[in-house]
Amino acid sequence: MPTKRTGTPKSASTPAAPESASAASSVAGTAPAAAMREAVPAPASLRAAALRPLRVATWNINSVRLRQSLVTDLVAALEPDVLCLQETKCPDEFFPADALRALGFTHIACRGMKGYNGVAILSRLPFSLREGDPDWCGKSDCRHLAVALDTPGGPIELHNFYVPAGGDIPDRAANPKFAHKLDFVAEAARWCAARGPLQRAVLVGDLNIAPLEHDVWSHRQMLDVVSHTPVEVEALTAWQHAGHWHDAVRHFVPEDQKLYTWWSYRARDWEASDRGRRLDHIWVSPDLAGRLARHMVLKPARGWRQASDHVPVMVELSP
């Protein structure tokens, strides 16, 4: 797997790397000086935005260039304000920013590489890129992107992760991919612990671990299958606890109910067999837990033409 970084994460709106995605994506221009000299009431559109819930969605798109047309279907179904993508499999210079901007995502940041991995954040709200976050496991393999969203209630720190899948053999010594996965999650847990509990923060992504008994179709049969092994579950739980993260989707769905976001391409009839796993997650900081208004797992997306094996997941935060 290539490990060379494709460059500093940047807004896809211009060829050059901007100082921040927010600044690079601002196209409205500067207000006339006369209009800036006296205070005026906020426009109705801004007042309405301040009263509107914030919708944050995450989706492992499994190639943004192959499935960029499906983003239109996602937007029609969920109307997200922010969409975080994983496994974009696209170098930054080829990211389809114009097509996605036409859907209303005027602020775009991406970190990608050829053929593997890759993450992106598409937003209707301005944001600034976070700097100085870890180069996870020293691999520079485009698995994390973070921004500060400029929301009416104040900034929200948003992290988009794509955790290594880990291969097929759940043995650190026999499988370097599994070792990488465990090391990645352990490093993320240490990082969260060192930072302490956050406020106004959201973490989303394909974390490639289904931690709870009913996050998989058969807990007993999945105990030795990568994504639900005890060592992975322990690692993900440690990460969640280290950051004091609240599981935003299980906030709505009790732990004794089945909940999946991924169905294998190998299944002849994925819907009939329904052998799914919950690999895609949204966590929020404790102070935002009380603002969770609703959620959606867009299961019909698994039946779209040329579908990803993951489906979009969204939560809505009240103002």
Protein backbone atom coordinates (compact mmCIF):
# COMPACT_ATOMS: atom_id res chain seq x y z
CA MET A 1 0.00 0.00 0.00
CA PRO A 2 1.39 3.43 -0.87
CA THR A 3 2.23 5.52 2.13
CA LYS A 4 3.36 8.78 0.61
CA ARG A 5 1.34 11.81 1.73
CA THR A 6 -0.31 13.64 -1.12
CA GLY A 7 0.16 16.99 0.57
CA THR A 8 -1.40 19.22 3.16
CA PRO A 9 -5.17 18.76 3.31
CA LYS A 10 -6.74 21.55 1.37
CA SER A 11 -9.90 23.01 -0.01
CA ALA A 12 -10.63 21.53 -3.40
CA SER A 13 -11.94 24.83 -4.69
CA THR A 14 -8.58 26.07 -5.99
CA PRO A 15 -5.45 24.33 -7.30
CA ALA A 16 -3.22 26.00 -4.70
CA ALA A 17 -3.29 24.98 -1.05
CA PRO A 18 -5.13 27.73 0.86
CA GLU A 19 -4.48 28.94 4.36
CA SER A 20 -7.81 27.49 5.39
CA ALA A 21 -10.66 25.73 3.64
CA SER A 22 -13.03 28.37 4.93
CA ALA A 23 -11.14 31.25 3.37
CA ALA A 24 -10.54 29.44 0.10
CA SER A 25 -14.19 28.62 -0.36
CA SER A 26 -15.57 32.11 0.34
CA VAL A 27 -16.84 33.42 -2.97
CA ALA A 28 -19.42 35.99 -1.88
CA GLY A 29 -16.88 38.81 -1.80
CA THR A 30 -16.36 41.62 0.70
CA ALA A 31 -19.24 43.79 1.88
CA PRO A 32 -19.08 47.48 0.84
CA ALA A 33 -17.32 49.68 3.39
CA ALA A 34 -20.42 51.79 3.97
CA ALA A 35 -22.40 48.70 4.91
CA MET A 36 -19.74 47.70 7.40
CA ARG A 37 -19.65 51.04 9.23
CA GLU A 38 -22.95 50.62 11.04
CA ALA A 39 -24.48 47.62 12.73
CA VAL A 40 -27.41 46.11 10.87
CA PRO A 41 -29.69 43.21 11.82
CA ALA A 42 -28.54 39.80 10.64
CA PRO A 43 -30.15 38.77 7.36
CA ALA A 44 -33.22 36.57 7.64
CA SER A 45 -31.29 33.66 6.13
CA LEU A 46 -28.70 33.83 8.92
CA ARG A 47 -31.35 34.11 11.60
CA ALA A 48 -33.10 31.08 10.13
CA ALA A 49 -29.82 29.13 10.07
CA ALA A 50 -29.27 29.87 13.74
CA LEU A 51 -32.62 28.24 14.54
CA ARG A 52 -32.18 25.24 12.27
CA PRO A 53 -30.85 21.85 13.39
CA LEU A 54 -27.39 20.83 12.19
CA ARG A 55 -27.28 17.63 10.15
CA VAL A 56 -23.98 15.75 10.07
CA ALA A 57 -23.66 12.65 7.89
CA THR A 58 -20.89 10.12 7.32
CA TRP A 59 -20.46 7.64 4.48
CA ASN A 60 -17.77 5.29 3.26
CA ILE A 61 -18.34 5.99 -0.42
CA ASN A 62 -15.80 3.42 -1.67
CA SER A 63 -14.46 5.64 -4.50
CA VAL A 64 -15.76 9.18 -4.84
CA ARG A 65 -15.18 9.34 -8.58
CA LEU A 66 -17.01 6.08 -9.23
CA ARG A 67 -19.97 7.00 -7.02
CA GLN A 68 -20.11 10.80 -7.09
CA SER A 69 -23.57 10.65 -8.73
CA LEU A 70 -24.88 8.78 -5.68
CA VAL A 71 -24.12 11.81 -3.52
CA THR A 72 -27.06 13.45 -5.28
CA ASP A 73 -29.31 10.66 -4.01
CA LEU A 74 -27.86 11.00 -0.53
CA VAL A 75 -28.50 14.74 -0.49
CA ALA A 76 -32.09 14.22 -1.65
CA ALA A 77 -32.70 11.68 1.12
CA LEU A 78 -30.86 13.30 4.05
CA GLU A 79 -30.26 16.97 3.20
CA PRO A 80 -27.08 17.07 5.32
CA ASP A 81 -25.32 20.30 6.21
CA VAL A 82 -22.03 18.44 6.49
CA LEU A 83 -21.05 15.19 4.77
CA CYS A 84 -17.91 13.29 5.73
CA LEU A 85 -16.64 10.74 3.22
CA GLN A 86 -14.21 7.89 3.69
CA GLU A 87 -12.35 5.65 1.26
CA THR A 88 -12.48 8.30 -1.44
CA LYS A 89 -9.57 6.60 -3.29
CA CYS A 90 -8.74 9.82 -5.07
CA PRO A 91 -5.69 12.12 -5.14
CA ASP A 92 -6.61 15.67 -4.20
CA GLU A 93 -5.95 17.03 -7.68
CA PHE A 94 -8.63 14.71 -9.14
CA PHE A 95 -11.24 15.18 -6.43
CA PRO A 96 -14.61 16.07 -8.11
CA ALA A 97 -15.06 19.29 -6.17
CA ASP A 98 -17.07 21.14 -8.81
CA ALA A 99 -19.71 18.44 -9.06
CA LEU A 100 -20.05 18.27 -5.28
CA ARG A 101 -20.06 22.04 -4.90
CA ALA A 102 -23.01 22.14 -7.30
CA LEU A 103 -24.97 20.18 -4.67
CA GLY A 104 -24.57 23.06 -2.23
CA PHE A 105 -21.35 22.03 -0.47
CA THR A 106 -19.50 25.30 -0.98
CA HIS A 107 -16.76 24.40 1.51
CA ILE A 108 -14.71 21.29 0.72
CA ALA A 109 -11.54 19.79 2.14
CA CYS A 110 -9.97 16.52 1.10
CA ARG A 111 -6.95 14.38 1.84
CA GLY A 112 -6.51 11.61 -0.67
CA MET A 113 -4.18 9.26 -2.45
CA LYS A 114 -4.34 7.05 -5.49
CA GLY A 115 -6.30 3.83 -5.15
CA TYR A 116 -6.52 3.62 -1.36
CA ASN A 117 -8.02 5.27 1.70
CA GLY A 118 -8.81 8.99 1.55
CA VAL A 119 -11.16 11.25 3.50
CA ALA A 120 -13.11 14.39 2.68
CA ILE A 121 -15.40 16.88 4.40
CA LEU A 122 -18.13 18.62 2.39
CA SER A 123 -19.98 21.43 4.12
CA ARG A 124 -22.60 24.09 3.54
CA LEU A 125 -21.06 25.93 6.51
CA PRO A 126 -17.65 27.61 6.52
CA PHE A 127 -14.84 25.87 8.35
CA SER A 128 -11.15 26.14 9.06
CA LEU A 129 -8.74 23.21 8.85
CA ARG A 130 -7.18 21.88 12.03
CA GLU A 131 -3.42 21.70 11.96
CA GLY A 132 -0.98 19.62 13.96
CA ASP A 133 -3.01 16.44 14.43
CA PRO A 134 -1.00 13.19 14.46
CA ASP A 135 0.37 11.40 11.42
CA TRP A 136 -1.23 8.16 12.54
CA CYS A 137 1.28 5.31 12.89
CA GLY A 138 3.71 7.44 10.86
CA LYS A 139 2.19 6.16 7.62
CA SER A 140 0.78 9.38 6.11
CA ASP A 141 -1.94 7.28 4.52
CA CYS A 142 -4.86 9.75 4.43
CA ARG A 143 -7.08 8.35 7.17
CA HIS A 144 -8.02 11.48 9.13
CA LEU A 145 -9.17 15.02 8.46
CA ALA A 146 -10.43 17.55 11.00
CA VAL A 147 -11.97 21.02 10.83
CA ALA A 148 -13.55 23.65 13.05
CA LEU A 149 -17.08 24.20 11.75
CA ASP A 150 -18.35 27.77 11.93
CA THR A 151 -21.86 27.18 13.28
CA PRO A 152 -24.29 29.83 14.59
CA GLY A 153 -23.84 28.56 18.16
CA GLY A 154 -20.06 28.64 17.97
CA PRO A 155 -17.32 26.43 16.50
CA ILE A 156 -17.73 22.66 16.46
CA GLU A 157 -14.60 20.53 16.20
CA LEU A 158 -15.27 17.79 13.64
CA HIS A 159 -13.06 14.73 13.07
CA ASN A 160 -13.45 12.36 10.13
CA PHE A 161 -11.67 8.98 10.51
CA TYR A 162 -11.10 5.96 8.31
CA VAL A 163 -9.67 3.20 10.52
CA PRO A 164 -7.72 0.39 8.82
CA ALA A 165 -9.89 -2.64 8.02
CA GLY A 166 -7.30 -5.05 9.41
CA GLY A 167 -7.24 -7.84 6.83
CA ASP A 168 -8.75 -11.26 7.40
CA ILE A 169 -6.62 -12.88 10.11
CA PRO A 170 -7.19 -11.59 13.67
CA ASP A 171 -3.63 -12.17 14.77
CA ARG A 172 -1.15 -9.35 15.32
CA ALA A 173 1.90 -11.55 14.75
CA ALA A 174 0.60 -13.24 11.61
CA ASN A 175 -1.12 -10.25 10.02
CA PRO A 176 0.62 -6.85 9.75
CA LYS A 177 -2.69 -5.24 8.66
CA PHE A 178 -4.34 -6.33 11.88
CA ALA A 179 -1.39 -5.03 13.89
CA HIS A 180 -1.68 -1.69 12.08
CA LYS A 181 -5.36 -1.49 12.95
CA LEU A 182 -4.77 -2.12 16.64
CA ASP A 183 -1.87 0.33 16.73
CA PHE A 184 -3.95 3.02 14.98
CA VAL A 185 -6.84 2.72 17.44
CA ALA A 186 -4.49 2.61 20.43
CA GLU A 187 -2.73 5.78 19.24
CA ALA A 188 -6.09 7.51 18.78
CA ALA A 189 -7.09 6.52 22.32
CA ARG A 190 -3.85 7.90 23.78
CA TRP A 191 -4.30 11.11 21.82
CA CYS A 192 -7.84 11.58 23.12
CA ALA A 193 -6.76 10.83 26.68
CA ALA A 194 -3.96 13.38 26.45
CA ARG A 195 -6.32 16.08 25.17
CA GLY A 196 -8.92 15.43 27.87
CA PRO A 197 -12.69 15.73 27.48
CA LEU A 198 -13.66 18.00 24.60
CA GLN A 199 -16.59 20.36 24.27
CA ARG A 200 -18.57 20.98 21.10
CA ALA A 201 -16.89 18.12 19.26
CA VAL A 202 -18.06 15.43 16.85
CA LEU A 203 -16.14 12.38 15.63
CA VAL A 204 -17.43 10.39 12.67
CA GLY A 205 -16.23 7.79 10.26
CA ASP A 206 -15.77 4.23 9.19
CA LEU A 207 -14.13 2.92 12.34
CA ASN A 208 -14.21 -0.64 10.99
CA ILE A 209 -15.19 -2.16 14.34
CA ALA A 210 -18.65 -3.29 15.44
CA PRO A 211 -18.33 -3.08 19.24
CA LEU A 212 -21.66 -4.26 20.62
CA GLU A 213 -23.33 -7.68 20.58
CA HIS A 214 -26.16 -6.48 18.37
CA ASP A 215 -23.89 -4.49 16.06
CA VAL A 216 -23.37 -7.75 14.15
CA TRP A 217 -25.76 -10.34 12.76
CA SER A 218 -24.37 -13.10 15.02
CA HIS A 219 -22.26 -12.24 18.04
CA ARG A 220 -21.24 -15.87 18.60
CA GLN A 221 -20.19 -16.52 15.01
CA MET A 222 -18.39 -13.19 14.65
CA LEU A 223 -16.16 -13.40 17.73
CA ASP A 224 -13.19 -14.58 15.68
CA VAL A 225 -13.93 -12.44 12.61
CA VAL A 226 -12.00 -9.21 12.11
CA SER A 227 -14.19 -6.22 13.09
CA HIS A 228 -15.84 -7.90 16.09
CA THR A 229 -13.02 -9.72 17.90
CA PRO A 230 -12.69 -9.04 21.63
CA VAL A 231 -9.33 -7.31 21.20
CA GLU A 232 -10.78 -4.87 18.64
CA VAL A 233 -13.88 -4.21 20.72
CA GLU A 234 -11.70 -3.52 23.75
CA ALA A 235 -9.52 -1.15 21.73
CA LEU A 236 -12.44 0.83 20.31
CA THR A 237 -14.14 1.02 23.70
CA ALA A 238 -10.91 2.35 25.20
CA TRP A 239 -10.78 5.05 22.50
CA GLN A 240 -14.38 6.03 23.14
CA HIS A 241 -13.89 6.19 26.90
CA ALA A 242 -10.59 8.07 26.60
CA GLY A 243 -12.36 10.89 24.79
CA HIS A 244 -15.54 10.69 26.86
CA TRP A 245 -17.38 10.25 23.56
CA HIS A 246 -21.13 9.62 23.48
CA ASP A 247 -22.42 7.12 20.89
CA ALA A 248 -24.84 9.34 18.99
CA VAL A 249 -26.62 6.59 17.05
CA ARG A 250 -27.05 4.19 19.96
CA HIS A 251 -28.42 7.23 21.78
CA PHE A 252 -31.57 6.54 19.76
CA VAL A 253 -31.35 2.78 19.20
CA PRO A 254 -31.19 0.61 22.35
CA GLU A 255 -28.24 -1.75 22.60
CA ASP A 256 -30.48 -4.82 22.49
CA GLN A 257 -31.70 -3.92 18.97
CA LYS A 258 -29.87 -4.94 15.82
CA LEU A 259 -28.21 -2.05 13.99
CA TYR A 260 -26.05 -2.33 10.86
CA THR A 261 -24.36 0.06 8.42
CA TRP A 262 -22.44 -2.42 6.23
CA TRP A 263 -23.40 -5.49 4.22
CA SER A 264 -20.82 -7.54 2.32
CA TYR A 265 -20.60 -7.54 -1.47
CA ARG A 266 -20.11 -11.31 -1.18
CA ALA A 267 -23.72 -11.90 -0.16
CA ARG A 268 -25.87 -13.11 -3.05
CA ASP A 269 -28.87 -11.30 -1.59
CA TRP A 270 -27.64 -8.89 1.09
CA GLU A 271 -31.13 -7.78 2.06
CA ALA A 272 -32.58 -11.28 2.47
CA SER A 273 -29.63 -12.62 4.46
CA ASP A 274 -29.22 -9.34 6.40
CA ARG A 275 -25.81 -10.35 7.74
CA GLY A 276 -24.71 -6.84 8.53
CA ARG A 277 -22.30 -5.07 10.85
CA ARG A 278 -22.27 -1.57 12.35
CA LEU A 279 -18.88 -0.26 11.25
CA ASP A 280 -19.79 3.40 10.75
CA HIS A 281 -20.11 5.60 13.80
CA ILE A 282 -20.92 9.10 15.01
CA TRP A 283 -19.71 10.15 18.46
CA VAL A 284 -20.35 13.49 20.13
CA SER A 285 -18.85 15.20 23.15
CA PRO A 286 -20.96 14.96 26.33
CA ASP A 287 -22.17 18.55 26.11
CA LEU A 288 -23.74 17.85 22.70
CA ALA A 289 -25.50 14.65 23.77
CA GLY A 290 -28.51 16.60 25.00
CA ARG A 291 -28.82 18.29 21.61
CA LEU A 292 -29.21 15.06 19.66
CA ALA A 293 -32.60 15.36 17.95
CA ARG A 294 -32.78 12.39 15.59
CA HIS A 295 -30.76 9.96 13.52
CA MET A 296 -31.01 8.09 10.25
CA VAL A 297 -29.25 5.01 8.84
CA LEU A 298 -30.02 5.13 5.12
CA LYS A 299 -30.35 1.37 4.55
CA PRO A 300 -32.01 1.75 1.10
CA ALA A 301 -28.67 3.15 -0.15
CA ARG A 302 -27.24 -0.38 -0.05
CA GLY A 303 -29.64 -1.19 -2.88
CA TRP A 304 -28.63 1.71 -5.12
CA ARG A 305 -27.04 0.90 -8.45
CA GLN A 306 -23.26 0.55 -8.02
CA ALA A 307 -23.80 0.93 -4.28
CA SER A 308 -21.10 1.12 -1.67
CA ASP A 309 -21.13 -1.75 0.80
CA HIS A 310 -21.60 0.90 3.52
CA VAL A 311 -24.67 3.11 3.90
CA PRO A 312 -24.82 6.74 5.02
CA VAL A 313 -25.44 7.53 8.68
CA MET A 314 -26.68 10.91 9.93
CA VAL A 315 -27.51 12.63 13.19
CA GLU A 316 -29.28 15.92 13.72
CA LEU A 317 -28.26 18.34 16.47
CA SER A 318 -30.81 20.86 17.69
CA PRO A 319 -29.73 24.53 17.91
